Amino acid sequence: LNHLMWLGAHGLDIGAMTMFLYCFR
């Protein structure tokens, strides 16, 4: 749960917008 939140938010921060949607799935 932690690493998915991190990956989605980190991606969102530096331009990988889609990651947030994948991780929250």
PDB file of all heavy atoms in Angstrom:
ATOM      1  N   LEU A   1       0.837  -1.216   0.000  1.00  0.00           N
ATOM      2  CA  LEU A   1       0.000   0.000   0.000  1.00  0.00           C
ATOM      3  C   LEU A   1       0.864   1.255   0.000  1.00  0.00           C
ATOM      4  O   LEU A   1       0.609   2.209  -0.745  1.00  0.00           O
ATOM      5  CB  LEU A   1      -0.911   0.012   1.232  1.00  0.00           C
ATOM      6  CG  LEU A   1      -2.158  -0.868   1.205  1.00  0.00           C
ATOM      7  CD1 LEU A   1      -2.783  -0.941   2.590  1.00  0.00           C
ATOM      8  CD2 LEU A   1      -3.170  -0.325   0.207  1.00  0.00           C
ATOM      9  N   ASN A   2       1.895   1.267   0.852  1.00  0.00           N
ATOM     10  CA  ASN A   2       2.782   2.430   0.956  1.00  0.00           C
ATOM     11  C   ASN A   2       3.515   2.663  -0.355  1.00  0.00           C
ATOM     12  O   ASN A   2       3.559   3.789  -0.873  1.00  0.00           O
ATOM     13  CB  ASN A   2       3.789   2.205   2.083  1.00  0.00           C
ATOM     14  CG  ASN A   2       4.760   3.368   2.228  1.00  0.00           C
ATOM     15  OD1 ASN A   2       4.530   4.298   2.983  1.00  0.00           O
ATOM     16  ND2 ASN A   2       5.866   3.330   1.495  1.00  0.00           N
ATOM     17  N   HIS A   3       4.105   1.601  -0.902  1.00  0.00           N
ATOM     18  CA  HIS A   3       4.915   1.768  -2.107  1.00  0.00           C
ATOM     19  C   HIS A   3       4.057   2.127  -3.319  1.00  0.00           C
ATOM     20  O   HIS A   3       4.524   2.839  -4.222  1.00  0.00           O
ATOM     21  CB  HIS A   3       5.729   0.500  -2.381  1.00  0.00           C
ATOM     22  CG  HIS A   3       6.894   0.317  -1.438  1.00  0.00           C
ATOM     23  ND1 HIS A   3       7.200   1.221  -0.452  1.00  0.00           N
ATOM     24  CD2 HIS A   3       7.843  -0.666  -1.336  1.00  0.00           C
ATOM     25  CE1 HIS A   3       8.271   0.805   0.214  1.00  0.00           C
ATOM     26  NE2 HIS A   3       8.671  -0.335  -0.300  1.00  0.00           N
ATOM     27  N   LEU A   4       2.812   1.648  -3.356  1.00  0.00           N
ATOM     28  CA  LEU A   4       1.928   2.046  -4.459  1.00  0.00           C
ATOM     29  C   LEU A   4       1.560   3.524  -4.360  1.00  0.00           C
ATOM     30  O   LEU A   4       1.530   4.238  -5.371  1.00  0.00           O
ATOM     31  CB  LEU A   4       0.662   1.185  -4.468  1.00  0.00           C
ATOM     32  CG  LEU A   4       0.823  -0.272  -4.905  1.00  0.00           C
ATOM     33  CD1 LEU A   4      -0.495  -1.021  -4.798  1.00  0.00           C
ATOM     34  CD2 LEU A   4       1.365  -0.381  -6.329  1.00  0.00           C
ATOM     35  N   MET A   5       1.282   3.977  -3.147  1.00  0.00           N
ATOM     36  CA  MET A   5       1.013   5.412  -2.951  1.00  0.00           C
ATOM     37  C   MET A   5       2.245   6.228  -3.337  1.00  0.00           C
ATOM     38  O   MET A   5       2.146   7.257  -4.017  1.00  0.00           O
ATOM     39  CB  MET A   5       0.625   5.679  -1.502  1.00  0.00           C
ATOM     40  CG  MET A   5       0.533   7.151  -1.136  1.00  0.00           C
ATOM     41  SD  MET A   5      -0.759   8.026  -2.007  1.00  0.00           S
ATOM     42  CE  MET A   5      -2.127   7.767  -0.897  1.00  0.00           C
ATOM     43  N   TRP A   6       3.433   5.761  -2.902  1.00  0.00           N
ATOM     44  CA  TRP A   6       4.671   6.475  -3.222  1.00  0.00           C
ATOM     45  C   TRP A   6       4.881   6.530  -4.734  1.00  0.00           C
ATOM     46  O   TRP A   6       5.180   7.594  -5.291  1.00  0.00           O
ATOM     47  CB  TRP A   6       5.862   5.773  -2.556  1.00  0.00           C
ATOM     48  CG  TRP A   6       7.164   6.259  -3.115  1.00  0.00           C
ATOM     49  CD1 TRP A   6       7.818   7.405  -2.774  1.00  0.00           C
ATOM     50  CD2 TRP A   6       7.934   5.648  -4.162  1.00  0.00           C
ATOM     51  NE1 TRP A   6       8.961   7.546  -3.545  1.00  0.00           N
ATOM     52  CE2 TRP A   6       9.045   6.487  -4.396  1.00  0.00           C
ATOM     53  CE3 TRP A   6       7.796   4.481  -4.915  1.00  0.00           C
ATOM     54  CZ2 TRP A   6      10.011   6.185  -5.352  1.00  0.00           C
ATOM     55  CZ3 TRP A   6       8.748   4.181  -5.870  1.00  0.00           C
ATOM     56  CH2 TRP A   6       9.837   5.031  -6.079  1.00  0.00           C
ATOM     57  N   LEU A   7       4.727   5.382  -5.399  1.00  0.00           N
ATOM     58  CA  LEU A   7       4.994   5.320  -6.840  1.00  0.00           C
ATOM     59  C   LEU A   7       4.020   6.209  -7.612  1.00  0.00           C
ATOM     60  O   LEU A   7       4.420   6.947  -8.520  1.00  0.00           O
ATOM     61  CB  LEU A   7       4.893   3.863  -7.316  1.00  0.00           C
ATOM     62  CG  LEU A   7       5.304   3.568  -8.754  1.00  0.00           C
ATOM     63  CD1 LEU A   7       6.744   3.997  -9.011  1.00  0.00           C
ATOM     64  CD2 LEU A   7       5.131   2.082  -9.061  1.00  0.00           C
ATOM     65  N   GLY A   8       2.749   6.163  -7.224  1.00  0.00           N
ATOM     66  CA  GLY A   8       1.760   7.003  -7.901  1.00  0.00           C
ATOM     67  C   GLY A   8       2.017   8.480  -7.685  1.00  0.00           C
ATOM     68  O   GLY A   8       1.986   9.283  -8.633  1.00  0.00           O
ATOM     69  N   ALA A   9       2.301   8.868  -6.429  1.00  0.00           N
ATOM     70  CA  ALA A   9       2.516  10.289  -6.109  1.00  0.00           C
ATOM     71  C   ALA A   9       3.845  10.787  -6.683  1.00  0.00           C
ATOM     72  O   ALA A   9       3.928  11.908  -7.203  1.00  0.00           O
ATOM     73  CB  ALA A   9       2.488  10.488  -4.594  1.00  0.00           C
ATOM     74  N   HIS A  10       4.901   9.966  -6.599  1.00  0.00           N
ATOM     75  CA  HIS A  10       6.213  10.342  -7.133  1.00  0.00           C
ATOM     76  C   HIS A  10       6.123  10.515  -8.645  1.00  0.00           C
ATOM     77  O   HIS A  10       6.672  11.472  -9.215  1.00  0.00           O
ATOM     78  CB  HIS A  10       7.221   9.252  -6.766  1.00  0.00           C
ATOM     79  CG  HIS A  10       8.644   9.590  -7.071  1.00  0.00           C
ATOM     80  ND1 HIS A  10       9.146  10.878  -7.000  1.00  0.00           N
ATOM     81  CD2 HIS A  10       9.697   8.804  -7.447  1.00  0.00           C
ATOM     82  CE1 HIS A  10      10.441  10.859  -7.310  1.00  0.00           C
ATOM     83  NE2 HIS A  10      10.786   9.616  -7.598  1.00  0.00           N
ATOM     84  N   GLY A  11       5.417   9.595  -9.294  1.00  0.00           N
ATOM     85  CA  GLY A  11       5.222   9.722 -10.735  1.00  0.00           C
ATOM     86  C   GLY A  11       4.472  10.997 -11.083  1.00  0.00           C
ATOM     87  O   GLY A  11       4.848  11.737 -11.994  1.00  0.00           O
ATOM     88  N   LEU A  12       3.410  11.284 -10.327  1.00  0.00           N
ATOM     89  CA  LEU A  12       2.609  12.489 -10.546  1.00  0.00           C
ATOM     90  C   LEU A  12       3.477  13.745 -10.393  1.00  0.00           C
ATOM     91  O   LEU A  12       3.361  14.701 -11.167  1.00  0.00           O
ATOM     92  CB  LEU A  12       1.476  12.513  -9.525  1.00  0.00           C
ATOM     93  CG  LEU A  12       0.212  13.304  -9.828  1.00  0.00           C
ATOM     94  CD1 LEU A  12      -0.468  12.793 -11.092  1.00  0.00           C
ATOM     95  CD2 LEU A  12      -0.751  13.210  -8.650  1.00  0.00           C
ATOM     96  N   ASP A  13       4.377  13.723  -9.384  1.00  0.00           N
ATOM     97  CA  ASP A  13       5.239  14.877  -9.107  1.00  0.00           C
ATOM     98  C   ASP A  13       6.173  15.201 -10.265  1.00  0.00           C
ATOM     99  O   ASP A  13       6.436  16.369 -10.556  1.00  0.00           O
ATOM    100  CB  ASP A  13       6.092  14.625  -7.857  1.00  0.00           C
ATOM    101  CG  ASP A  13       5.297  14.695  -6.571  1.00  0.00           C
ATOM    102  OD1 ASP A  13       4.177  15.230  -6.612  1.00  0.00           O
ATOM    103  OD2 ASP A  13       5.800  14.225  -5.542  1.00  0.00           O
ATOM    104  N   ILE A  14       6.714  14.162 -10.902  1.00  0.00           N
ATOM    105  CA  ILE A  14       7.753  14.441 -11.909  1.00  0.00           C
ATOM    106  C   ILE A  14       7.328  14.070 -13.326  1.00  0.00           C
ATOM    107  O   ILE A  14       8.154  13.833 -14.193  1.00  0.00           O
ATOM    108  CB  ILE A  14       9.106  13.788 -11.536  1.00  0.00           C
ATOM    109  CG1 ILE A  14       9.010  12.284 -11.380  1.00  0.00           C
ATOM    110  CG2 ILE A  14       9.661  14.403 -10.276  1.00  0.00           C
ATOM    111  CD1 ILE A  14      10.361  11.613 -11.097  1.00  0.00           C
ATOM    112  N   GLY A  15       5.990  14.040 -13.526  1.00  0.00           N
ATOM    113  CA  GLY A  15       5.495  14.017 -14.894  1.00  0.00           C
ATOM    114  C   GLY A  15       4.919  12.725 -15.412  1.00  0.00           C
ATOM    115  O   GLY A  15       4.423  12.690 -16.539  1.00  0.00           O
ATOM    116  N   ALA A  16       4.985  11.634 -14.643  1.00  0.00           N
ATOM    117  CA  ALA A  16       4.415  10.364 -15.107  1.00  0.00           C
ATOM    118  C   ALA A  16       2.981  10.260 -14.586  1.00  0.00           C
ATOM    119  O   ALA A  16       2.689   9.540 -13.635  1.00  0.00           O
ATOM    120  CB  ALA A  16       5.265   9.193 -14.624  1.00  0.00           C
ATOM    121  N   MET A  17       2.086  10.980 -15.207  1.00  0.00           N
ATOM    122  CA  MET A  17       0.735  11.174 -14.687  1.00  0.00           C
ATOM    123  C   MET A  17      -0.054   9.877 -14.559  1.00  0.00           C
ATOM    124  O   MET A  17      -0.810   9.680 -13.614  1.00  0.00           O
ATOM    125  CB  MET A  17      -0.039  12.136 -15.596  1.00  0.00           C
ATOM    126  CG  MET A  17       0.655  13.449 -15.845  1.00  0.00           C
ATOM    127  SD  MET A  17       0.619  14.528 -14.420  1.00  0.00           S
ATOM    128  CE  MET A  17      -1.071  15.039 -14.414  1.00  0.00           C
ATOM    129  N   THR A  18       0.103   8.967 -15.517  1.00  0.00           N
ATOM    130  CA  THR A  18      -0.730   7.762 -15.558  1.00  0.00           C
ATOM    131  C   THR A  18      -0.484   6.832 -14.374  1.00  0.00           C
ATOM    132  O   THR A  18      -1.365   6.070 -13.992  1.00  0.00           O
ATOM    133  CB  THR A  18      -0.444   6.980 -16.860  1.00  0.00           C
ATOM    134  OG1 THR A  18      -0.306   7.903 -17.926  1.00  0.00           O
ATOM    135  CG2 THR A  18      -1.554   6.004 -17.174  1.00  0.00           C
ATOM    136  N   MET A  19       0.717   6.898 -13.798  1.00  0.00           N
ATOM    137  CA  MET A  19       1.072   5.965 -12.721  1.00  0.00           C
ATOM    138  C   MET A  19       0.084   6.026 -11.565  1.00  0.00           C
ATOM    139  O   MET A  19      -0.223   5.011 -10.937  1.00  0.00           O
ATOM    140  CB  MET A  19       2.480   6.276 -12.182  1.00  0.00           C
ATOM    141  CG  MET A  19       3.598   5.825 -13.063  1.00  0.00           C
ATOM    142  SD  MET A  19       3.417   4.121 -13.603  1.00  0.00           S
ATOM    143  CE  MET A  19       3.298   3.271 -12.056  1.00  0.00           C
ATOM    144  N   PHE A  20      -0.407   7.201 -11.261  1.00  0.00           N
ATOM    145  CA  PHE A  20      -1.316   7.375 -10.127  1.00  0.00           C
ATOM    146  C   PHE A  20      -2.565   6.509 -10.313  1.00  0.00           C
ATOM    147  O   PHE A  20      -3.025   5.853  -9.380  1.00  0.00           O
ATOM    148  CB  PHE A  20      -1.698   8.854 -10.012  1.00  0.00           C
ATOM    149  CG  PHE A  20      -2.254   9.238  -8.674  1.00  0.00           C
ATOM    150  CD1 PHE A  20      -1.416   9.382  -7.581  1.00  0.00           C
ATOM    151  CD2 PHE A  20      -3.609   9.448  -8.500  1.00  0.00           C
ATOM    152  CE1 PHE A  20      -1.915   9.746  -6.333  1.00  0.00           C
ATOM    153  CE2 PHE A  20      -4.125   9.809  -7.259  1.00  0.00           C
ATOM    154  CZ  PHE A  20      -3.268   9.955  -6.175  1.00  0.00           C
ATOM    155  N   LEU A  21      -3.087   6.478 -11.519  1.00  0.00           N
ATOM    156  CA  LEU A  21      -4.297   5.700 -11.806  1.00  0.00           C
ATOM    157  C   LEU A  21      -4.014   4.200 -11.715  1.00  0.00           C
ATOM    158  O   LEU A  21      -4.812   3.441 -11.165  1.00  0.00           O
ATOM    159  CB  LEU A  21      -4.831   6.050 -13.196  1.00  0.00           C
ATOM    160  CG  LEU A  21      -5.137   7.535 -13.432  1.00  0.00           C
ATOM    161  CD1 LEU A  21      -5.529   7.775 -14.880  1.00  0.00           C
ATOM    162  CD2 LEU A  21      -6.251   8.006 -12.509  1.00  0.00           C
ATOM    163  N   TYR A  22      -2.873   3.772 -12.246  1.00  0.00           N
ATOM    164  CA  TYR A  22      -2.515   2.358 -12.189  1.00  0.00           C
ATOM    165  C   TYR A  22      -2.347   1.894 -10.742  1.00  0.00           C
ATOM    166  O   TYR A  22      -2.847   0.845 -10.351  1.00  0.00           O
ATOM    167  CB  TYR A  22      -1.192   2.119 -12.948  1.00  0.00           C
ATOM    168  CG  TYR A  22      -1.355   1.905 -14.425  1.00  0.00           C
ATOM    169  CD1 TYR A  22      -1.616   2.961 -15.289  1.00  0.00           C
ATOM    170  CD2 TYR A  22      -1.230   0.639 -14.978  1.00  0.00           C
ATOM    171  CE1 TYR A  22      -1.755   2.774 -16.651  1.00  0.00           C
ATOM    172  CE2 TYR A  22      -1.360   0.426 -16.340  1.00  0.00           C
ATOM    173  CZ  TYR A  22      -1.631   1.497 -17.167  1.00  0.00           C
ATOM    174  OH  TYR A  22      -1.780   1.294 -18.520  1.00  0.00           O
ATOM    175  N   CYS A  23      -1.625   2.677  -9.949  1.00  0.00           N
ATOM    176  CA  CYS A  23      -1.318   2.270  -8.562  1.00  0.00           C
ATOM    177  C   CYS A  23      -2.576   2.224  -7.702  1.00  0.00           C
ATOM    178  O   CYS A  23      -2.731   1.322  -6.871  1.00  0.00           O
ATOM    179  CB  CYS A  23      -0.296   3.219  -7.949  1.00  0.00           C
ATOM    180  SG  CYS A  23       1.338   3.080  -8.686  1.00  0.00           S
ATOM    181  N   PHE A  24      -3.474   3.165  -7.909  1.00  0.00           N
ATOM    182  CA  PHE A  24      -4.684   3.181  -7.085  1.00  0.00           C
ATOM    183  C   PHE A  24      -5.646   2.057  -7.456  1.00  0.00           C
ATOM    184  O   PHE A  24      -6.478   1.655  -6.647  1.00  0.00           O
ATOM    185  CB  PHE A  24      -5.361   4.551  -7.156  1.00  0.00           C
ATOM    186  CG  PHE A  24      -4.926   5.441  -6.034  1.00  0.00           C
ATOM    187  CD1 PHE A  24      -3.636   5.951  -6.004  1.00  0.00           C
ATOM    188  CD2 PHE A  24      -5.774   5.737  -4.985  1.00  0.00           C
ATOM    189  CE1 PHE A  24      -3.201   6.751  -4.957  1.00  0.00           C
ATOM    190  CE2 PHE A  24      -5.356   6.527  -3.935  1.00  0.00           C
ATOM    191  CZ  PHE A  24      -4.068   7.037  -3.913  1.00  0.00           C
ATOM    192  N   ARG A  25      -5.513   1.530  -8.641  1.00  0.00           N
ATOM    193  CA  ARG A  25      -6.323   0.369  -9.037  1.00  0.00           C
ATOM    194  C   ARG A  25      -6.056  -0.810  -8.096  1.00  0.00           C
ATOM    195  O   ARG A  25      -6.989  -1.444  -7.596  1.00  0.00           O
ATOM    196  CB  ARG A  25      -5.955   0.003 -10.484  1.00  0.00           C
ATOM    197  CG  ARG A  25      -6.660  -1.189 -11.059  1.00  0.00           C
ATOM    198  CD  ARG A  25      -6.071  -1.518 -12.422  1.00  0.00           C
ATOM    199  NE  ARG A  25      -4.649  -1.854 -12.331  1.00  0.00           N
ATOM    200  CZ  ARG A  25      -3.863  -2.063 -13.392  1.00  0.00           C
ATOM    201  NH1 ARG A  25      -4.348  -1.931 -14.606  1.00  0.00           N
ATOM    202  NH2 ARG A  25      -2.588  -2.378 -13.227  1.00  0.00           N
TER     203      ARG A  25
END
